[in-house]
Amino acid sequence: MKLSSSIFTFRFLNFNSLFIKSHPSFKISAATKRTMTQFPNFSTKISNSCPANTAEDSQVSPPEPRPQSPPRKPWLIVGLGNPGKKFNGTRHNVGFMMVDAIAEAEGISINTVNFKAQIGKGFIGNVPVMLAKPQTFMNSSGESVGAIVSYYKIPLKQVLVIFDDLDLPFAKLRLLPKGGHGGHNGMRSIIDSFKGSRDFPRLRIGIGRPQGRMDTINFVLRAFNKKEREELEFTFHNGMEAVRILLLEGFDKSATYVNSTKAMEQLG
């Protein structure tokens, strides 16, 4: 079966819709519906038909069939945040918002709840993906993510976690192949669920630090204002492109794109 390697054209988002509800409904195409129940087997099917033997080659053994390749493991793309309407559009939920943006752009419906998470299944290009928004509250995110990874036997190198980062300037992105939790309790929980392994990629979205004497907890739970939402629109655009490159062309090209000075200047 021939696989398409083309990257979907970016469809500019109605950004304000991301702040109205955490997982909007989308129309699902016939091609997308096939992903809602299970991931496809990309193995090549071997035909059992062959031309009739002649008298001359009747003594020749038929060629042995080629072994089929195993099904491709999906990528798991996790956005971190807190469930509930009161947390919609807050800084600590920017991971949820990024996953919602990916879902809308790629036509993936986040329409099921399993493993303590809202989950959507679909494709980015020809790559099967799962989008997940853990509903455990931030500090227990690993309960959900660890269960998904264990059940589907997803390699950690194919688990991308998207989360807010106080140490990055607002609206900046940084893609890393591995690392610690950096004081982020959601990441701490996920690392613990992976038995201490830190070897999985992560996309950090900068939210900056509070000014003056504002408490950090109050800051991360504060909603973005109009100007900040407009800036995040470009951040999400670049983040979605980085995810496509990661899945279709590899980590190095994606990191070069998202971490480059040019990509940073587009947001500045």
C-alpha atoms as a PDB file:
ATOM      1  CA  MET A   1       0.000   0.000   0.000  1.00  0.00           C
ATOM      2  CA  LYS A   2       1.443   3.379  -0.954  1.00  0.00           C
ATOM      3  CA  LEU A   3       1.670   5.881   1.902  1.00  0.00           C
ATOM      4  CA  SER A   4       1.276   9.586   1.471  1.00  0.00           C
ATOM      5  CA  SER A   5       4.165  11.573   2.882  1.00  0.00           C
ATOM      6  CA  SER A   6       2.679  14.999   2.277  1.00  0.00           C
ATOM      7  CA  ILE A   7       2.161  17.390   5.172  1.00  0.00           C
ATOM      8  CA  PHE A   8      -1.325  18.839   5.471  1.00  0.00           C
ATOM      9  CA  THR A   9      -1.659  22.539   4.667  1.00  0.00           C
ATOM     10  CA  PHE A  10      -2.190  24.613   7.795  1.00  0.00           C
ATOM     11  CA  ARG A  11      -5.733  25.883   8.183  1.00  0.00           C
ATOM     12  CA  PHE A  12      -5.705  29.109  10.214  1.00  0.00           C
ATOM     13  CA  LEU A  13      -7.638  28.652  13.441  1.00  0.00           C
ATOM     14  CA  ASN A  14     -10.427  30.565  15.011  1.00  0.00           C
ATOM     15  CA  PHE A  15      -8.277  31.102  18.055  1.00  0.00           C
ATOM     16  CA  ASN A  16     -10.987  32.467  20.295  1.00  0.00           C
ATOM     17  CA  SER A  17     -12.838  29.153  20.105  1.00  0.00           C
ATOM     18  CA  LEU A  18     -10.028  27.543  22.110  1.00  0.00           C
ATOM     19  CA  PHE A  19     -10.996  29.631  25.121  1.00  0.00           C
ATOM     20  CA  ILE A  20     -14.727  28.875  25.009  1.00  0.00           C
ATOM     21  CA  LYS A  21     -14.612  25.136  25.630  1.00  0.00           C
ATOM     22  CA  SER A  22     -11.810  22.698  26.159  1.00  0.00           C
ATOM     23  CA  HIS A  23     -12.687  20.148  23.488  1.00  0.00           C
ATOM     24  CA  PRO A  24     -14.936  21.530  20.702  1.00  0.00           C
ATOM     25  CA  SER A  25     -16.880  19.246  18.396  1.00  0.00           C
ATOM     26  CA  PHE A  26     -15.635  18.936  14.847  1.00  0.00           C
ATOM     27  CA  LYS A  27     -17.094  17.449  11.695  1.00  0.00           C
ATOM     28  CA  ILE A  28     -15.300  14.205  10.967  1.00  0.00           C
ATOM     29  CA  SER A  29     -14.570  13.162   7.414  1.00  0.00           C
ATOM     30  CA  ALA A  30     -15.069   9.603   6.229  1.00  0.00           C
ATOM     31  CA  ALA A  31     -11.287   9.167   6.170  1.00  0.00           C
ATOM     32  CA  THR A  32     -11.031  10.218   9.788  1.00  0.00           C
ATOM     33  CA  LYS A  33     -13.872   7.979  11.016  1.00  0.00           C
ATOM     34  CA  ARG A  34     -11.790   4.904  10.325  1.00  0.00           C
ATOM     35  CA  THR A  35      -9.384   5.987  13.063  1.00  0.00           C
ATOM     36  CA  MET A  36     -11.939   6.216  15.842  1.00  0.00           C
ATOM     37  CA  THR A  37     -11.901   2.548  16.751  1.00  0.00           C
ATOM     38  CA  GLN A  38      -8.407   1.302  16.118  1.00  0.00           C
ATOM     39  CA  PHE A  39      -5.157   2.153  14.454  1.00  0.00           C
ATOM     40  CA  PRO A  40      -4.691   0.651  10.997  1.00  0.00           C
ATOM     41  CA  ASN A  41      -2.222  -2.067  10.139  1.00  0.00           C
ATOM     42  CA  PHE A  42       0.156  -0.582   7.631  1.00  0.00           C
ATOM     43  CA  SER A  43       1.571  -3.995   6.719  1.00  0.00           C
ATOM     44  CA  THR A  44       1.685  -4.801   3.030  1.00  0.00           C
ATOM     45  CA  LYS A  45      -0.761  -7.505   2.057  1.00  0.00           C
ATOM     46  CA  ILE A  46       0.649 -10.376   0.033  1.00  0.00           C
ATOM     47  CA  SER A  47      -1.542 -11.663  -2.751  1.00  0.00           C
ATOM     48  CA  ASN A  48      -2.259 -15.406  -2.706  1.00  0.00           C
ATOM     49  CA  SER A  49      -2.950 -15.487  -6.424  1.00  0.00           C
ATOM     50  CA  CYS A  50      -0.260 -16.631  -8.892  1.00  0.00           C
ATOM     51  CA  PRO A  51      -0.193 -17.776 -12.543  1.00  0.00           C
ATOM     52  CA  ALA A  52      -0.847 -21.439 -13.271  1.00  0.00           C
ATOM     53  CA  ASN A  53       2.241 -23.674 -13.372  1.00  0.00           C
ATOM     54  CA  THR A  54       3.361 -25.111 -16.687  1.00  0.00           C
ATOM     55  CA  ALA A  55       4.869 -28.523 -17.220  1.00  0.00           C
ATOM     56  CA  GLU A  56       8.336 -26.958 -17.343  1.00  0.00           C
ATOM     57  CA  ASP A  57       8.157 -25.252 -13.971  1.00  0.00           C
ATOM     58  CA  SER A  58       5.925 -27.701 -12.120  1.00  0.00           C
ATOM     59  CA  GLN A  59       8.953 -28.960 -10.189  1.00  0.00           C
ATOM     60  CA  VAL A  60       9.982 -25.462  -9.066  1.00  0.00           C
ATOM     61  CA  SER A  61       8.961 -24.535  -5.536  1.00  0.00           C
ATOM     62  CA  PRO A  62       6.938 -21.312  -5.264  1.00  0.00           C
ATOM     63  CA  PRO A  63       8.775 -18.364  -3.673  1.00  0.00           C
ATOM     64  CA  GLU A  64       8.346 -18.000   0.047  1.00  0.00           C
ATOM     65  CA  PRO A  65       6.107 -15.079   1.032  1.00  0.00           C
ATOM     66  CA  ARG A  66       7.861 -12.075   2.524  1.00  0.00           C
ATOM     67  CA  PRO A  67       7.247 -11.554   6.249  1.00  0.00           C
ATOM     68  CA  GLN A  68       4.806  -8.775   7.025  1.00  0.00           C
ATOM     69  CA  SER A  69       6.045  -5.832   9.053  1.00  0.00           C
ATOM     70  CA  PRO A  70       4.406  -5.270  12.451  1.00  0.00           C
ATOM     71  CA  PRO A  71       1.760  -2.537  12.816  1.00  0.00           C
ATOM     72  CA  ARG A  72       3.132   0.938  13.402  1.00  0.00           C
ATOM     73  CA  LYS A  73       2.922   2.196  16.975  1.00  0.00           C
ATOM     74  CA  PRO A  74       1.038   5.483  17.269  1.00  0.00           C
ATOM     75  CA  TRP A  75       2.563   8.673  18.564  1.00  0.00           C
ATOM     76  CA  LEU A  76       1.063   9.874  21.833  1.00  0.00           C
ATOM     77  CA  ILE A  77       0.742  13.657  22.039  1.00  0.00           C
ATOM     78  CA  VAL A  78      -0.173  14.781  25.550  1.00  0.00           C
ATOM     79  CA  GLY A  79      -1.226  18.273  26.577  1.00  0.00           C
ATOM     80  CA  LEU A  80      -1.121  19.032  30.285  1.00  0.00           C
ATOM     81  CA  GLY A  81      -3.686  21.071  32.192  1.00  0.00           C
ATOM     82  CA  ASN A  82      -6.478  21.004  34.747  1.00  0.00           C
ATOM     83  CA  PRO A  83     -10.022  19.823  33.942  1.00  0.00           C
ATOM     84  CA  GLY A  84     -13.054  22.022  34.488  1.00  0.00           C
ATOM     85  CA  LYS A  85     -14.474  25.216  32.984  1.00  0.00           C
ATOM     86  CA  LYS A  86     -12.873  27.480  35.560  1.00  0.00           C
ATOM     87  CA  PHE A  87      -9.420  26.521  34.253  1.00  0.00           C
ATOM     88  CA  ASN A  88     -10.203  27.110  30.559  1.00  0.00           C
ATOM     89  CA  GLY A  89      -7.863  29.632  28.976  1.00  0.00           C
ATOM     90  CA  THR A  90      -5.468  29.832  31.926  1.00  0.00           C
ATOM     91  CA  ARG A  91      -1.696  29.749  31.695  1.00  0.00           C
ATOM     92  CA  HIS A  92      -1.420  26.352  33.357  1.00  0.00           C
ATOM     93  CA  ASN A  93      -3.742  24.913  30.668  1.00  0.00           C
ATOM     94  CA  VAL A  94      -1.748  26.016  27.644  1.00  0.00           C
ATOM     95  CA  GLY A  95      -0.867  22.346  26.981  1.00  0.00           C
ATOM     96  CA  PHE A  96      -4.588  21.525  26.666  1.00  0.00           C
ATOM     97  CA  MET A  97      -4.995  24.491  24.334  1.00  0.00           C
ATOM     98  CA  MET A  98      -2.142  23.357  22.076  1.00  0.00           C
ATOM     99  CA  VAL A  99      -3.664  19.869  21.770  1.00  0.00           C
ATOM    100  CA  ASP A 100      -7.071  21.391  20.968  1.00  0.00           C
ATOM    101  CA  ALA A 101      -5.416  23.453  18.226  1.00  0.00           C
ATOM    102  CA  ILE A 102      -3.754  20.335  16.761  1.00  0.00           C
ATOM    103  CA  ALA A 103      -7.060  18.449  16.875  1.00  0.00           C
ATOM    104  CA  GLU A 104      -8.902  21.196  15.009  1.00  0.00           C
ATOM    105  CA  ALA A 105      -6.191  21.666  12.381  1.00  0.00           C
ATOM    106  CA  GLU A 106      -5.875  17.924  11.672  1.00  0.00           C
ATOM    107  CA  GLY A 107      -9.588  17.062  11.879  1.00  0.00           C
ATOM    108  CA  ILE A 108      -9.176  14.770  14.888  1.00  0.00           C
ATOM    109  CA  SER A 109     -12.132  14.548  17.261  1.00  0.00           C
ATOM    110  CA  ILE A 110     -11.296  14.279  20.952  1.00  0.00           C
ATOM    111  CA  ASN A 111     -14.465  12.319  21.580  1.00  0.00           C
ATOM    112  CA  THR A 112     -13.711   9.549  24.082  1.00  0.00           C
ATOM    113  CA  VAL A 113     -12.741   9.323  27.734  1.00  0.00           C
ATOM    114  CA  ASN A 114     -10.426   6.507  28.738  1.00  0.00           C
ATOM    115  CA  PHE A 115      -7.388   6.031  30.982  1.00  0.00           C
ATOM    116  CA  LYS A 116      -8.553   9.105  32.942  1.00  0.00           C
ATOM    117  CA  ALA A 117      -8.075  11.270  29.844  1.00  0.00           C
ATOM    118  CA  GLN A 118      -9.966  12.819  26.955  1.00  0.00           C
ATOM    119  CA  ILE A 119      -8.616  11.030  23.900  1.00  0.00           C
ATOM    120  CA  GLY A 120      -8.752  11.467  20.133  1.00  0.00           C
ATOM    121  CA  LYS A 121      -7.320   9.153  17.483  1.00  0.00           C
ATOM    122  CA  GLY A 122      -6.363  10.081  13.958  1.00  0.00           C
ATOM    123  CA  PHE A 123      -3.482  10.826  11.617  1.00  0.00           C
ATOM    124  CA  ILE A 124      -0.965  13.545  10.981  1.00  0.00           C
ATOM    125  CA  GLY A 125       0.156  12.896   7.432  1.00  0.00           C
ATOM    126  CA  ASN A 126       0.411   9.094   7.299  1.00  0.00           C
ATOM    127  CA  VAL A 127       1.393   8.743  10.968  1.00  0.00           C
ATOM    128  CA  PRO A 128      -1.180   7.392  13.460  1.00  0.00           C
ATOM    129  CA  VAL A 129      -1.525   9.580  16.534  1.00  0.00           C
ATOM    130  CA  MET A 130      -3.347   9.722  19.844  1.00  0.00           C
ATOM    131  CA  LEU A 131      -4.132  13.089  21.375  1.00  0.00           C
ATOM    132  CA  ALA A 132      -4.629  13.016  25.140  1.00  0.00           C
ATOM    133  CA  LYS A 133      -5.693  15.552  27.780  1.00  0.00           C
ATOM    134  CA  PRO A 134      -5.377  13.948  31.235  1.00  0.00           C
ATOM    135  CA  GLN A 135      -8.342  14.676  33.516  1.00  0.00           C
ATOM    136  CA  THR A 136      -6.569  13.797  36.758  1.00  0.00           C
ATOM    137  CA  PHE A 137      -5.591  17.384  37.546  1.00  0.00           C
ATOM    138  CA  MET A 138      -2.074  18.512  36.782  1.00  0.00           C
ATOM    139  CA  ASN A 139      -0.187  17.002  39.709  1.00  0.00           C
ATOM    140  CA  SER A 140      -1.392  13.457  38.924  1.00  0.00           C
ATOM    141  CA  SER A 141      -0.973  13.524  35.135  1.00  0.00           C
ATOM    142  CA  GLY A 142       1.267  10.459  35.241  1.00  0.00           C
ATOM    143  CA  GLU A 143      -1.625   8.241  36.360  1.00  0.00           C
ATOM    144  CA  SER A 144      -3.239   8.797  32.971  1.00  0.00           C
ATOM    145  CA  VAL A 145      -0.182   9.042  30.714  1.00  0.00           C
ATOM    146  CA  GLY A 146       1.551   6.014  32.232  1.00  0.00           C
ATOM    147  CA  ALA A 147      -1.572   3.874  31.757  1.00  0.00           C
ATOM    148  CA  ILE A 148      -1.904   4.845  28.070  1.00  0.00           C
ATOM    149  CA  VAL A 149       1.764   4.154  27.331  1.00  0.00           C
ATOM    150  CA  SER A 150       1.644   0.809  29.120  1.00  0.00           C
ATOM    151  CA  TYR A 151      -1.560  -0.375  27.434  1.00  0.00           C
ATOM    152  CA  TYR A 152      -0.547   0.530  23.874  1.00  0.00           C
ATOM    153  CA  LYS A 153       3.152  -0.290  24.451  1.00  0.00           C
ATOM    154  CA  ILE A 154       4.176   3.060  23.004  1.00  0.00           C
ATOM    155  CA  PRO A 155       7.955   3.687  22.953  1.00  0.00           C
ATOM    156  CA  LEU A 156       8.863   6.672  25.113  1.00  0.00           C
ATOM    157  CA  LYS A 157      10.605   8.295  22.155  1.00  0.00           C
ATOM    158  CA  GLN A 158       7.107   8.540  20.600  1.00  0.00           C
ATOM    159  CA  VAL A 159       5.531  10.290  23.587  1.00  0.00           C
ATOM    160  CA  LEU A 160       5.446  14.083  23.193  1.00  0.00           C
ATOM    161  CA  VAL A 161       4.352  16.053  26.270  1.00  0.00           C
ATOM    162  CA  ILE A 162       3.282  19.693  25.835  1.00  0.00           C
ATOM    163  CA  PHE A 163       3.196  21.933  28.909  1.00  0.00           C
ATOM    164  CA  ASP A 164       3.574  25.457  30.264  1.00  0.00           C
ATOM    165  CA  ASP A 165       6.982  26.730  31.362  1.00  0.00           C
ATOM    166  CA  LEU A 166       7.576  29.643  33.738  1.00  0.00           C
ATOM    167  CA  ASP A 167      11.255  29.834  32.756  1.00  0.00           C
ATOM    168  CA  LEU A 168      10.602  30.600  29.084  1.00  0.00           C
ATOM    169  CA  PRO A 169       9.590  34.084  27.922  1.00  0.00           C
ATOM    170  CA  PHE A 170       5.913  34.376  27.126  1.00  0.00           C
ATOM    171  CA  ALA A 171       4.772  32.673  23.875  1.00  0.00           C
ATOM    172  CA  LYS A 172       8.214  31.181  23.134  1.00  0.00           C
ATOM    173  CA  LEU A 173       8.627  27.502  22.267  1.00  0.00           C
ATOM    174  CA  ARG A 174      11.365  25.027  23.053  1.00  0.00           C
ATOM    175  CA  LEU A 175      11.509  21.406  21.848  1.00  0.00           C
ATOM    176  CA  LEU A 176      13.807  19.052  23.765  1.00  0.00           C
ATOM    177  CA  PRO A 177      14.506  15.315  23.320  1.00  0.00           C
ATOM    178  CA  LYS A 178      14.569  14.600  27.069  1.00  0.00           C
ATOM    179  CA  GLY A 179      15.168  16.235  30.433  1.00  0.00           C
ATOM    180  CA  GLY A 180      13.973  16.667  33.998  1.00  0.00           C
ATOM    181  CA  HIS A 181      10.720  18.049  35.341  1.00  0.00           C
ATOM    182  CA  GLY A 182      12.120  21.532  36.006  1.00  0.00           C
ATOM    183  CA  GLY A 183       9.839  21.927  38.997  1.00  0.00           C
ATOM    184  CA  HIS A 184       6.690  21.266  36.946  1.00  0.00           C
ATOM    185  CA  ASN A 185       4.485  18.920  38.981  1.00  0.00           C
ATOM    186  CA  GLY A 186       2.730  17.461  35.933  1.00  0.00           C
ATOM    187  CA  MET A 187       6.052  16.483  34.403  1.00  0.00           C
ATOM    188  CA  ARG A 188       7.258  15.178  37.749  1.00  0.00           C
ATOM    189  CA  SER A 189       4.223  12.858  37.882  1.00  0.00           C
ATOM    190  CA  ILE A 190       4.807  11.616  34.331  1.00  0.00           C
ATOM    191  CA  ILE A 191       8.484  10.879  34.956  1.00  0.00           C
ATOM    192  CA  ASP A 192       7.503   8.943  38.066  1.00  0.00           C
ATOM    193  CA  SER A 193       4.990   6.918  36.028  1.00  0.00           C
ATOM    194  CA  PHE A 194       7.802   6.039  33.596  1.00  0.00           C
ATOM    195  CA  LYS A 195       9.814   4.634  36.535  1.00  0.00           C
ATOM    196  CA  GLY A 196      12.120   7.607  36.530  1.00  0.00           C
ATOM    197  CA  SER A 197      12.863   7.648  32.801  1.00  0.00           C
ATOM    198  CA  ARG A 198      13.281  11.146  31.359  1.00  0.00           C
ATOM    199  CA  ASP A 199      13.967   9.979  27.807  1.00  0.00           C
ATOM    200  CA  PHE A 200      10.901  11.329  26.035  1.00  0.00           C
ATOM    201  CA  PRO A 201      10.475  14.527  23.975  1.00  0.00           C
ATOM    202  CA  ARG A 202       8.686  17.555  25.321  1.00  0.00           C
ATOM    203  CA  LEU A 203       7.448  20.843  23.850  1.00  0.00           C
ATOM    204  CA  ARG A 204       7.619  23.689  26.357  1.00  0.00           C
ATOM    205  CA  ILE A 205       5.423  26.765  25.912  1.00  0.00           C
ATOM    206  CA  GLY A 206       6.633  29.864  27.707  1.00  0.00           C
ATOM    207  CA  ILE A 207       4.234  31.694  29.999  1.00  0.00           C
ATOM    208  CA  GLY A 208       6.830  33.927  31.666  1.00  0.00           C
ATOM    209  CA  ARG A 209       7.043  34.704  35.351  1.00  0.00           C
ATOM    210  CA  PRO A 210       4.754  36.902  37.453  1.00  0.00           C
ATOM    211  CA  GLN A 211       5.779  40.495  37.951  1.00  0.00           C
ATOM    212  CA  GLY A 212       6.169  42.067  41.332  1.00  0.00           C
ATOM    213  CA  ARG A 213       5.064  40.028  44.316  1.00  0.00           C
ATOM    214  CA  MET A 214       2.301  38.052  42.630  1.00  0.00           C
ATOM    215  CA  ASP A 215       2.070  34.492  43.913  1.00  0.00           C
ATOM    216  CA  THR A 216       3.180  31.909  41.331  1.00  0.00           C
ATOM    217  CA  ILE A 217       0.121  29.694  41.847  1.00  0.00           C
ATOM    218  CA  ASN A 218      -2.250  32.617  41.285  1.00  0.00           C
ATOM    219  CA  PHE A 219      -0.256  33.583  38.203  1.00  0.00           C
ATOM    220  CA  VAL A 220      -0.421  30.195  36.466  1.00  0.00           C
ATOM    221  CA  LEU A 221      -4.164  29.962  37.164  1.00  0.00           C
ATOM    222  CA  ARG A 222      -4.852  33.409  35.690  1.00  0.00           C
ATOM    223  CA  ALA A 223      -6.524  33.604  32.256  1.00  0.00           C
ATOM    224  CA  PHE A 224      -4.732  35.126  29.267  1.00  0.00           C
ATOM    225  CA  ASN A 225      -5.822  38.599  28.237  1.00  0.00           C
ATOM    226  CA  LYS A 226      -6.758  39.586  24.683  1.00  0.00           C
ATOM    227  CA  LYS A 227      -3.277  40.702  23.663  1.00  0.00           C
ATOM    228  CA  GLU A 228      -1.714  37.522  25.035  1.00  0.00           C
ATOM    229  CA  ARG A 229      -4.251  35.367  23.168  1.00  0.00           C
ATOM    230  CA  GLU A 230      -3.300  37.095  19.926  1.00  0.00           C
ATOM    231  CA  GLU A 231       0.373  36.339  20.539  1.00  0.00           C
ATOM    232  CA  LEU A 232      -0.403  32.715  21.362  1.00  0.00           C
ATOM    233  CA  GLU A 233      -2.138  32.346  18.015  1.00  0.00           C
ATOM    234  CA  PHE A 234       1.265  32.491  16.317  1.00  0.00           C
ATOM    235  CA  THR A 235       2.781  30.264  18.982  1.00  0.00           C
ATOM    236  CA  PHE A 236       0.209  27.566  18.289  1.00  0.00           C
ATOM    237  CA  HIS A 237       0.778  27.910  14.543  1.00  0.00           C
ATOM    238  CA  ASN A 238       4.496  27.294  14.977  1.00  0.00           C
ATOM    239  CA  GLY A 239       3.862  24.546  17.525  1.00  0.00           C
ATOM    240  CA  MET A 240       1.579  22.647  15.166  1.00  0.00           C
ATOM    241  CA  GLU A 241       4.126  22.908  12.361  1.00  0.00           C
ATOM    242  CA  ALA A 242       6.835  21.651  14.721  1.00  0.00           C
ATOM    243  CA  VAL A 243       4.695  18.626  15.622  1.00  0.00           C
ATOM    244  CA  ARG A 244       4.118  17.795  11.935  1.00  0.00           C
ATOM    245  CA  ILE A 245       7.830  17.999  11.205  1.00  0.00           C
ATOM    246  CA  LEU A 246       8.621  15.875  14.256  1.00  0.00           C
ATOM    247  CA  LEU A 247       6.299  13.075  13.189  1.00  0.00           C
ATOM    248  CA  LEU A 248       7.023  13.163   9.457  1.00  0.00           C
ATOM    249  CA  GLU A 249      10.688  14.200   9.221  1.00  0.00           C
ATOM    250  CA  GLY A 250      12.236  13.504  12.612  1.00  0.00           C
ATOM    251  CA  PHE A 251      13.265  15.227  15.832  1.00  0.00           C
ATOM    252  CA  ASP A 252      16.355  17.045  14.539  1.00  0.00           C
ATOM    253  CA  LYS A 253      14.506  18.901  11.775  1.00  0.00           C
ATOM    254  CA  SER A 254      11.676  19.795  14.117  1.00  0.00           C
ATOM    255  CA  ALA A 255      14.032  21.092  16.801  1.00  0.00           C
ATOM    256  CA  THR A 256      15.917  23.154  14.221  1.00  0.00           C
ATOM    257  CA  TYR A 257      12.641  24.682  13.083  1.00  0.00           C
ATOM    258  CA  VAL A 258      11.109  25.491  16.460  1.00  0.00           C
ATOM    259  CA  ASN A 259      14.286  26.392  18.351  1.00  0.00           C
ATOM    260  CA  SER A 260      15.833  28.536  15.618  1.00  0.00           C
ATOM    261  CA  THR A 261      16.283  32.279  15.909  1.00  0.00           C
ATOM    262  CA  LYS A 262      14.026  32.739  12.884  1.00  0.00           C
ATOM    263  CA  ALA A 263      11.154  30.901  14.520  1.00  0.00           C
ATOM    264  CA  MET A 264      11.632  32.939  17.685  1.00  0.00           C
ATOM    265  CA  GLU A 265      11.657  36.211  15.712  1.00  0.00           C
ATOM    266  CA  GLN A 266       8.331  35.305  14.113  1.00  0.00           C
ATOM    267  CA  LEU A 267       6.816  35.484  17.579  1.00  0.00           C
ATOM    268  CA  GLY A 268       8.666  38.603  18.679  1.00  0.00           C
END
